[in-house]
């Protein structure tokens, strides 16, 4: 009930929006272990809605929801670990969280895993040094439908905008043998 009331107050359903009250209600539900409330509260903590911005607390609360299997929490906590928000940079933990979220069907987490793999494949140095260089040399922020803007690539656009570019580039590239084999298998199965 506290979570549902929090959603109504947060979005102004049946009255005016009140982020302070929504944050309080989400907090009450989150204390009782309600994972959706934990996600909402963590986002409000992260963004500073209804109270002070607190990335460390957002990271802690996302961790509680991620332990319960909430995809949004796993994905957003992965972002925070990858970028060192609310705590130290931890690419191994980011990769683990993205893997959990991707295993539950998160396309954003799958993209993040692919991006991490691509970034680290270009560096002959140990992974920790490569991760630090990627964070230091990456350019700015961009928009996203997720918790906040993804760290932009050297080309200066976010993952959301790069997706369309990657799709166009993929059409131009020759498919790998594995992809062709899968396509042939699909055609044979369709014919049978």
C-alpha atoms as a PDB file:
ATOM      1  CA  UNK A   1       0.000   0.000   0.000  1.00  0.00           C
ATOM      2  CA  UNK A   2       2.852   2.403   0.839  1.00  0.00           C
ATOM      3  CA  UNK A   3       4.527   1.758  -2.508  1.00  0.00           C
ATOM      4  CA  UNK A   4       1.288   2.276  -4.471  1.00  0.00           C
ATOM      5  CA  UNK A   5       0.506   5.467  -2.582  1.00  0.00           C
ATOM      6  CA  UNK A   6       4.091   6.593  -3.194  1.00  0.00           C
ATOM      7  CA  UNK A   7       3.651   6.082  -6.944  1.00  0.00           C
ATOM      8  CA  UNK A   8       0.424   8.098  -6.903  1.00  0.00           C
ATOM      9  CA  UNK A   9       1.971  10.964  -4.923  1.00  0.00           C
ATOM     10  CA  UNK A  10       5.181  10.857  -6.994  1.00  0.00           C
ATOM     11  CA  UNK A  11       3.294  11.206 -10.281  1.00  0.00           C
ATOM     12  CA  UNK A  12       0.479  13.480  -9.089  1.00  0.00           C
ATOM     13  CA  UNK A  13      -2.310  10.942  -9.560  1.00  0.00           C
ATOM     14  CA  UNK A  14      -5.368  12.292  -7.742  1.00  0.00           C
ATOM     15  CA  UNK A  15      -3.568  15.396  -6.533  1.00  0.00           C
ATOM     16  CA  UNK A  16      -0.372  17.381  -6.787  1.00  0.00           C
ATOM     17  CA  UNK A  17       3.050  15.782  -7.202  1.00  0.00           C
ATOM     18  CA  UNK A  18       4.915  15.649  -3.921  1.00  0.00           C
ATOM     19  CA  UNK A  19       8.421  14.227  -4.207  1.00  0.00           C
ATOM     20  CA  UNK A  20       9.160  14.664  -0.511  1.00  0.00           C
ATOM     21  CA  UNK A  21       6.150  12.554   0.487  1.00  0.00           C
ATOM     22  CA  UNK A  22       6.794  10.033  -2.307  1.00  0.00           C
ATOM     23  CA  UNK A  23      10.367   9.590  -1.114  1.00  0.00           C
ATOM     24  CA  UNK A  24       9.124   9.063   2.442  1.00  0.00           C
ATOM     25  CA  UNK A  25       6.537   6.477   1.357  1.00  0.00           C
ATOM     26  CA  UNK A  26       9.031   4.636  -0.871  1.00  0.00           C
ATOM     27  CA  UNK A  27      11.407   4.631   2.103  1.00  0.00           C
ATOM     28  CA  UNK A  28       8.832   3.001   4.366  1.00  0.00           C
ATOM     29  CA  UNK A  29       8.085   0.300   1.790  1.00  0.00           C
ATOM     30  CA  UNK A  30      11.794  -0.162   1.015  1.00  0.00           C
ATOM     31  CA  UNK A  31      12.574  -0.754   4.701  1.00  0.00           C
ATOM     32  CA  UNK A  32      10.137  -3.664   4.562  1.00  0.00           C
ATOM     33  CA  UNK A  33      12.061  -5.203   1.645  1.00  0.00           C
ATOM     34  CA  UNK A  34       9.802  -4.077  -1.209  1.00  0.00           C
ATOM     35  CA  UNK A  35      12.155  -4.274  -4.231  1.00  0.00           C
ATOM     36  CA  UNK A  36      10.143  -1.967  -6.547  1.00  0.00           C
ATOM     37  CA  UNK A  37      10.069   0.640  -3.754  1.00  0.00           C
ATOM     38  CA  UNK A  38      13.819   0.216  -3.289  1.00  0.00           C
ATOM     39  CA  UNK A  39      14.374   0.936  -6.994  1.00  0.00           C
ATOM     40  CA  UNK A  40      12.156   4.046  -6.909  1.00  0.00           C
ATOM     41  CA  UNK A  41      13.810   5.295  -3.713  1.00  0.00           C
ATOM     42  CA  UNK A  42      17.297   4.717  -5.118  1.00  0.00           C
ATOM     43  CA  UNK A  43      16.438   6.670  -8.273  1.00  0.00           C
ATOM     44  CA  UNK A  44      15.102   9.544  -6.162  1.00  0.00           C
ATOM     45  CA  UNK A  45      18.262   9.443  -4.006  1.00  0.00           C
ATOM     46  CA  UNK A  46      20.401   9.432  -7.135  1.00  0.00           C
ATOM     47  CA  UNK A  47      18.576  12.350  -8.769  1.00  0.00           C
ATOM     48  CA  UNK A  48      18.012  14.329  -5.558  1.00  0.00           C
ATOM     49  CA  UNK A  49      14.220  14.262  -5.901  1.00  0.00           C
ATOM     50  CA  UNK A  50      12.355  15.005  -2.694  1.00  0.00           C
ATOM     51  CA  UNK A  51      15.550  15.460  -0.713  1.00  0.00           C
ATOM     52  CA  UNK A  52      19.304  15.726  -1.030  1.00  0.00           C
ATOM     53  CA  UNK A  53      21.167  13.886  -3.775  1.00  0.00           C
ATOM     54  CA  UNK A  54      23.091  10.955  -2.322  1.00  0.00           C
ATOM     55  CA  UNK A  55      24.845   8.619  -4.762  1.00  0.00           C
ATOM     56  CA  UNK A  56      26.355   6.455  -2.012  1.00  0.00           C
ATOM     57  CA  UNK A  57      22.920   5.785  -0.526  1.00  0.00           C
ATOM     58  CA  UNK A  58      21.433   5.205  -3.994  1.00  0.00           C
ATOM     59  CA  UNK A  59      24.167   2.638  -4.662  1.00  0.00           C
ATOM     60  CA  UNK A  60      23.429   0.888  -1.342  1.00  0.00           C
ATOM     61  CA  UNK A  61      19.672   0.787  -1.970  1.00  0.00           C
ATOM     62  CA  UNK A  62      20.092  -0.400  -5.577  1.00  0.00           C
ATOM     63  CA  UNK A  63      22.218  -3.190  -4.081  1.00  0.00           C
ATOM     64  CA  UNK A  64      19.312  -4.323  -1.887  1.00  0.00           C
ATOM     65  CA  UNK A  65      16.955  -4.503  -4.871  1.00  0.00           C
ATOM     66  CA  UNK A  66      19.604  -6.110  -7.096  1.00  0.00           C
ATOM     67  CA  UNK A  67      20.007  -8.917  -4.547  1.00  0.00           C
ATOM     68  CA  UNK A  68      16.287  -9.588  -4.971  1.00  0.00           C
ATOM     69  CA  UNK A  69      16.730  -9.905  -8.743  1.00  0.00           C
ATOM     70  CA  UNK A  70      15.316  -6.544  -9.893  1.00  0.00           C
ATOM     71  CA  UNK A  71      16.657  -5.995 -13.415  1.00  0.00           C
ATOM     72  CA  UNK A  72      16.474  -2.184 -13.191  1.00  0.00           C
ATOM     73  CA  UNK A  73      18.501  -2.260  -9.985  1.00  0.00           C
ATOM     74  CA  UNK A  74      21.115  -4.615 -11.432  1.00  0.00           C
ATOM     75  CA  UNK A  75      21.471  -2.481 -14.546  1.00  0.00           C
ATOM     76  CA  UNK A  76      21.618   0.871 -12.732  1.00  0.00           C
ATOM     77  CA  UNK A  77      23.963  -0.475 -10.056  1.00  0.00           C
ATOM     78  CA  UNK A  78      26.169  -1.775 -12.873  1.00  0.00           C
ATOM     79  CA  UNK A  79      26.320   1.760 -14.270  1.00  0.00           C
ATOM     80  CA  UNK A  80      27.283   3.140 -10.869  1.00  0.00           C
ATOM     81  CA  UNK A  81      30.047   0.549 -10.409  1.00  0.00           C
ATOM     82  CA  UNK A  82      31.314   1.076 -13.950  1.00  0.00           C
ATOM     83  CA  UNK A  83      31.522   4.834 -13.516  1.00  0.00           C
ATOM     84  CA  UNK A  84      32.498   4.992  -9.852  1.00  0.00           C
ATOM     85  CA  UNK A  85      29.397   6.832  -8.675  1.00  0.00           C
ATOM     86  CA  UNK A  86      28.701   6.556  -4.958  1.00  0.00           C
ATOM     87  CA  UNK A  87      31.783   4.396  -4.488  1.00  0.00           C
ATOM     88  CA  UNK A  88      34.884   3.129  -6.234  1.00  0.00           C
ATOM     89  CA  UNK A  89      35.025   2.050  -9.881  1.00  0.00           C
ATOM     90  CA  UNK A  90      34.607  -1.724 -10.035  1.00  0.00           C
ATOM     91  CA  UNK A  91      34.397  -3.072 -13.581  1.00  0.00           C
ATOM     92  CA  UNK A  92      34.305  -6.691 -12.434  1.00  0.00           C
ATOM     93  CA  UNK A  93      31.201  -5.997 -10.329  1.00  0.00           C
ATOM     94  CA  UNK A  94      29.675  -3.939 -13.146  1.00  0.00           C
ATOM     95  CA  UNK A  95      30.199  -6.876 -15.516  1.00  0.00           C
ATOM     96  CA  UNK A  96      28.620  -9.290 -12.983  1.00  0.00           C
ATOM     97  CA  UNK A  97      25.576  -7.046 -12.528  1.00  0.00           C
ATOM     98  CA  UNK A  98      25.169  -6.469 -16.267  1.00  0.00           C
ATOM     99  CA  UNK A  99      25.382 -10.254 -16.795  1.00  0.00           C
ATOM    100  CA  UNK A 100      22.613 -10.843 -14.255  1.00  0.00           C
ATOM    101  CA  UNK A 101      20.393  -8.218 -15.882  1.00  0.00           C
ATOM    102  CA  UNK A 102      21.171  -9.454 -19.405  1.00  0.00           C
ATOM    103  CA  UNK A 103      20.264 -12.974 -18.299  1.00  0.00           C
ATOM    104  CA  UNK A 104      16.805 -11.630 -17.480  1.00  0.00           C
ATOM    105  CA  UNK A 105      16.420 -10.038 -20.900  1.00  0.00           C
ATOM    106  CA  UNK A 106      17.791  -6.512 -20.429  1.00  0.00           C
ATOM    107  CA  UNK A 107      18.928  -5.256 -23.824  1.00  0.00           C
ATOM    108  CA  UNK A 108      20.649  -2.282 -22.167  1.00  0.00           C
ATOM    109  CA  UNK A 109      22.725  -4.605 -19.990  1.00  0.00           C
ATOM    110  CA  UNK A 110      23.621  -6.750 -23.011  1.00  0.00           C
ATOM    111  CA  UNK A 111      24.784  -3.616 -24.821  1.00  0.00           C
ATOM    112  CA  UNK A 112      26.823  -2.583 -21.780  1.00  0.00           C
ATOM    113  CA  UNK A 113      28.530  -5.991 -21.661  1.00  0.00           C
ATOM    114  CA  UNK A 114      29.363  -5.787 -25.362  1.00  0.00           C
ATOM    115  CA  UNK A 115      30.703  -2.265 -24.904  1.00  0.00           C
ATOM    116  CA  UNK A 116      32.875  -3.317 -21.951  1.00  0.00           C
ATOM    117  CA  UNK A 117      34.241  -6.219 -23.974  1.00  0.00           C
ATOM    118  CA  UNK A 118      34.966  -3.939 -26.919  1.00  0.00           C
ATOM    119  CA  UNK A 119      36.666  -1.298 -24.782  1.00  0.00           C
ATOM    120  CA  UNK A 120      38.895  -3.795 -23.015  1.00  0.00           C
ATOM    121  CA  UNK A 121      39.785  -5.728 -26.171  1.00  0.00           C
ATOM    122  CA  UNK A 122      41.731  -2.716 -27.498  1.00  0.00           C
ATOM    123  CA  UNK A 123      44.064  -2.469 -24.529  1.00  0.00           C
ATOM    124  CA  UNK A 124      47.035  -4.826 -24.169  1.00  0.00           C
ATOM    125  CA  UNK A 125      47.545  -3.734 -20.532  1.00  0.00           C
ATOM    126  CA  UNK A 126      46.024  -5.390 -17.506  1.00  0.00           C
ATOM    127  CA  UNK A 127      42.287  -4.935 -17.169  1.00  0.00           C
ATOM    128  CA  UNK A 128      42.479  -2.517 -14.211  1.00  0.00           C
ATOM    129  CA  UNK A 129      44.689  -0.092 -16.142  1.00  0.00           C
ATOM    130  CA  UNK A 130      42.529  -0.419 -19.247  1.00  0.00           C
ATOM    131  CA  UNK A 131      39.393   0.339 -17.221  1.00  0.00           C
ATOM    132  CA  UNK A 132      40.970   3.446 -15.718  1.00  0.00           C
ATOM    133  CA  UNK A 133      42.033   4.686 -19.153  1.00  0.00           C
ATOM    134  CA  UNK A 134      38.556   4.164 -20.586  1.00  0.00           C
ATOM    135  CA  UNK A 135      36.980   6.167 -17.767  1.00  0.00           C
ATOM    136  CA  UNK A 136      39.567   8.946 -18.011  1.00  0.00           C
ATOM    137  CA  UNK A 137      39.544   9.248 -21.816  1.00  0.00           C
ATOM    138  CA  UNK A 138      35.799   8.889 -22.398  1.00  0.00           C
ATOM    139  CA  UNK A 139      34.026  12.062 -23.417  1.00  0.00           C
ATOM    140  CA  UNK A 140      31.127  13.568 -21.492  1.00  0.00           C
ATOM    141  CA  UNK A 141      27.530  12.522 -20.940  1.00  0.00           C
ATOM    142  CA  UNK A 142      24.544  12.101 -23.186  1.00  0.00           C
ATOM    143  CA  UNK A 143      20.878  11.246 -22.784  1.00  0.00           C
ATOM    144  CA  UNK A 144      19.389   7.862 -21.978  1.00  0.00           C
ATOM    145  CA  UNK A 145      16.128   6.377 -20.793  1.00  0.00           C
ATOM    146  CA  UNK A 146      17.991   4.661 -17.984  1.00  0.00           C
ATOM    147  CA  UNK A 147      18.945   6.106 -14.611  1.00  0.00           C
ATOM    148  CA  UNK A 148      21.159   8.734 -16.178  1.00  0.00           C
ATOM    149  CA  UNK A 149      23.151   9.356 -19.334  1.00  0.00           C
ATOM    150  CA  UNK A 150      25.633   6.686 -20.267  1.00  0.00           C
ATOM    151  CA  UNK A 151      29.237   7.706 -20.324  1.00  0.00           C
ATOM    152  CA  UNK A 152      29.617   8.760 -23.922  1.00  0.00           C
ATOM    153  CA  UNK A 153      32.127   7.169 -26.233  1.00  0.00           C
ATOM    154  CA  UNK A 154      35.015   8.988 -27.838  1.00  0.00           C
ATOM    155  CA  UNK A 155      32.633   9.818 -30.674  1.00  0.00           C
ATOM    156  CA  UNK A 156      30.549  11.811 -28.204  1.00  0.00           C
ATOM    157  CA  UNK A 157      27.172  10.070 -28.377  1.00  0.00           C
ATOM    158  CA  UNK A 158      25.403   7.868 -25.865  1.00  0.00           C
ATOM    159  CA  UNK A 159      24.578   4.182 -26.153  1.00  0.00           C
ATOM    160  CA  UNK A 160      21.010   5.018 -27.164  1.00  0.00           C
ATOM    161  CA  UNK A 161      22.176   7.028 -30.168  1.00  0.00           C
ATOM    162  CA  UNK A 162      25.006   4.664 -31.004  1.00  0.00           C
ATOM    163  CA  UNK A 163      22.571   1.750 -31.306  1.00  0.00           C
ATOM    164  CA  UNK A 164      21.149   3.049 -34.582  1.00  0.00           C
ATOM    165  CA  UNK A 165      24.653   3.652 -35.925  1.00  0.00           C
ATOM    166  CA  UNK A 166      25.775   0.144 -34.904  1.00  0.00           C
ATOM    167  CA  UNK A 167      22.728  -1.399 -36.582  1.00  0.00           C
ATOM    168  CA  UNK A 168      23.517   0.401 -39.846  1.00  0.00           C
ATOM    169  CA  UNK A 169      27.178  -0.627 -39.664  1.00  0.00           C
ATOM    170  CA  UNK A 170      26.216  -4.232 -38.935  1.00  0.00           C
ATOM    171  CA  UNK A 171      24.137  -4.393 -42.128  1.00  0.00           C
ATOM    172  CA  UNK A 172      27.157  -3.286 -44.127  1.00  0.00           C
ATOM    173  CA  UNK A 173      29.509  -5.825 -42.546  1.00  0.00           C
ATOM    174  CA  UNK A 174      29.717  -9.363 -43.832  1.00  0.00           C
ATOM    175  CA  UNK A 175      28.057 -11.743 -41.349  1.00  0.00           C
ATOM    176  CA  UNK A 176      30.291 -14.195 -39.530  1.00  0.00           C
ATOM    177  CA  UNK A 177      30.262 -17.906 -40.314  1.00  0.00           C
ATOM    178  CA  UNK A 178      28.345 -18.543 -37.097  1.00  0.00           C
ATOM    179  CA  UNK A 179      25.614 -16.099 -38.152  1.00  0.00           C
ATOM    180  CA  UNK A 180      25.462 -17.555 -41.661  1.00  0.00           C
ATOM    181  CA  UNK A 181      25.319 -21.082 -40.259  1.00  0.00           C
ATOM    182  CA  UNK A 182      22.489 -20.057 -37.953  1.00  0.00           C
ATOM    183  CA  UNK A 183      20.658 -18.483 -40.896  1.00  0.00           C
ATOM    184  CA  UNK A 184      21.105 -21.624 -43.002  1.00  0.00           C
ATOM    185  CA  UNK A 185      19.864 -23.767 -40.129  1.00  0.00           C
ATOM    186  CA  UNK A 186      16.838 -21.517 -39.772  1.00  0.00           C
ATOM    187  CA  UNK A 187      16.125 -21.747 -43.515  1.00  0.00           C
ATOM    188  CA  UNK A 188      16.455 -25.554 -43.410  1.00  0.00           C
ATOM    189  CA  UNK A 189      14.127 -25.734 -40.427  1.00  0.00           C
ATOM    190  CA  UNK A 190      11.629 -23.472 -42.195  1.00  0.00           C
ATOM    191  CA  UNK A 191      11.727 -25.622 -45.350  1.00  0.00           C
ATOM    192  CA  UNK A 192      11.189 -28.829 -43.341  1.00  0.00           C
END
